[in-house]
Amino acid sequence: MTTKNASGTADSTQLLHLVFGGELTELDEVQFNDLSTLDIVGIYPNYASAYDAWKDAAQRSVDDAHMRYFIVHLHRLLDPEPAPAESPR
């Protein structure tokens, strides 16, 4: 499958990323308060679009210090071989 990369050019490599978040029990740990209330923002075909979604979700919850959002590199779980270098932009 061919997708567009961050620069708008064709890219045949699809690097899936999951964006999700939830309320943490402690500010210094990644332990969620209630797994049933996790906010699954979505799955994105590249880091740039996942970063944009993460930033949007994180900004909506800026007033709640315990709410945190994360980007998971699903492509690394699906294919643990080294992937091309990624950058946020």
Protein backbone atom coordinates (compact mmCIF):
# COMPACT_ATOMS: atom_id res chain seq x y z
CA MET A 1 0.00 0.00 0.00
CA THR A 2 1.33 3.43 -0.90
CA THR A 3 0.84 6.30 1.54
CA LYS A 4 1.93 9.92 1.62
CA ASN A 5 4.73 10.74 4.04
CA ALA A 6 5.06 13.99 6.03
CA SER A 7 6.56 15.81 3.04
CA GLY A 8 3.64 14.75 0.81
CA THR A 9 5.65 12.39 -1.39
CA ALA A 10 4.69 8.79 -2.05
CA ASP A 11 6.00 6.31 0.50
CA SER A 12 5.47 2.55 0.19
CA THR A 13 6.45 1.91 3.82
CA GLN A 14 3.54 2.05 6.24
CA LEU A 15 4.75 2.63 9.81
CA LEU A 16 1.69 2.25 12.03
CA HIS A 17 1.46 4.28 15.25
CA LEU A 18 -1.17 4.09 18.01
CA VAL A 19 -2.12 7.21 19.97
CA PHE A 20 -3.88 6.69 23.29
CA GLY A 21 -4.11 8.19 26.73
CA GLY A 22 -5.62 7.91 30.14
CA GLU A 23 -5.57 9.12 33.70
CA LEU A 24 -2.45 8.06 35.61
CA THR A 25 -2.52 7.01 39.26
CA GLU A 26 0.73 8.89 39.98
CA LEU A 27 2.47 11.67 38.06
CA ASP A 28 5.84 9.87 38.03
CA GLU A 29 4.58 6.42 36.93
CA VAL A 30 2.89 5.01 33.84
CA GLN A 31 0.13 3.21 35.72
CA PHE A 32 -3.41 3.95 34.55
CA ASN A 33 -6.17 4.66 37.04
CA ASP A 34 -8.89 2.79 35.10
CA LEU A 35 -8.10 0.78 31.95
CA SER A 36 -11.76 0.80 30.90
CA THR A 37 -11.61 4.58 30.43
CA LEU A 38 -8.52 4.72 28.18
CA ASP A 39 -8.94 7.17 25.30
CA ILE A 40 -7.93 5.40 22.08
CA VAL A 41 -7.34 8.36 19.77
CA GLY A 42 -6.50 6.24 16.72
CA ILE A 43 -3.99 4.41 14.57
CA TYR A 44 -1.96 6.46 12.07
CA PRO A 45 0.16 5.49 9.05
CA ASN A 46 3.21 7.57 10.01
CA TYR A 47 4.81 9.33 12.96
CA ALA A 48 3.99 12.84 11.73
CA SER A 49 0.23 12.26 11.68
CA ALA A 50 0.39 10.38 15.00
CA TYR A 51 2.31 13.28 16.53
CA ASP A 52 -0.34 15.76 15.34
CA ALA A 53 -3.11 13.61 16.89
CA TRP A 54 -1.11 13.20 20.12
CA LYS A 55 -0.51 16.95 20.36
CA ASP A 56 -4.20 17.73 19.80
CA ALA A 57 -5.32 15.21 22.45
CA ALA A 58 -2.68 16.35 24.95
CA GLN A 59 -3.64 20.01 24.52
CA ARG A 60 -7.33 19.20 25.16
CA SER A 61 -6.37 17.72 28.54
CA VAL A 62 -3.74 20.28 29.56
CA ASP A 63 -5.65 21.23 32.73
CA ASP A 64 -5.59 17.66 34.09
CA ALA A 65 -2.05 16.86 35.26
CA HIS A 66 -2.84 13.14 35.62
CA MET A 67 -4.07 12.77 32.03
CA ARG A 68 -1.29 11.65 29.67
CA TYR A 69 -1.20 10.64 26.02
CA PHE A 70 1.33 8.35 24.35
CA ILE A 71 2.46 7.31 20.88
CA VAL A 72 3.17 3.59 20.46
CA HIS A 73 5.23 2.47 17.47
CA LEU A 74 3.04 -0.46 16.39
CA HIS A 75 5.25 -1.18 13.39
CA ARG A 76 8.08 -2.06 15.79
CA LEU A 77 5.86 -4.63 17.50
CA LEU A 78 4.65 -6.08 14.20
CA ASP A 79 8.10 -6.19 12.59
CA PRO A 80 10.93 -5.89 15.12
CA GLU A 81 13.56 -5.35 12.40
CA PRO A 82 15.11 -1.88 12.50
CA ALA A 83 12.94 0.70 10.72
CA PRO A 84 14.10 3.80 8.85
CA ALA A 85 14.93 6.74 11.09
CA GLU A 86 11.88 8.68 12.23
CA SER A 87 11.58 12.30 13.13
CA PRO A 88 8.62 14.31 14.41
CA ARG A 89 8.72 16.50 11.29
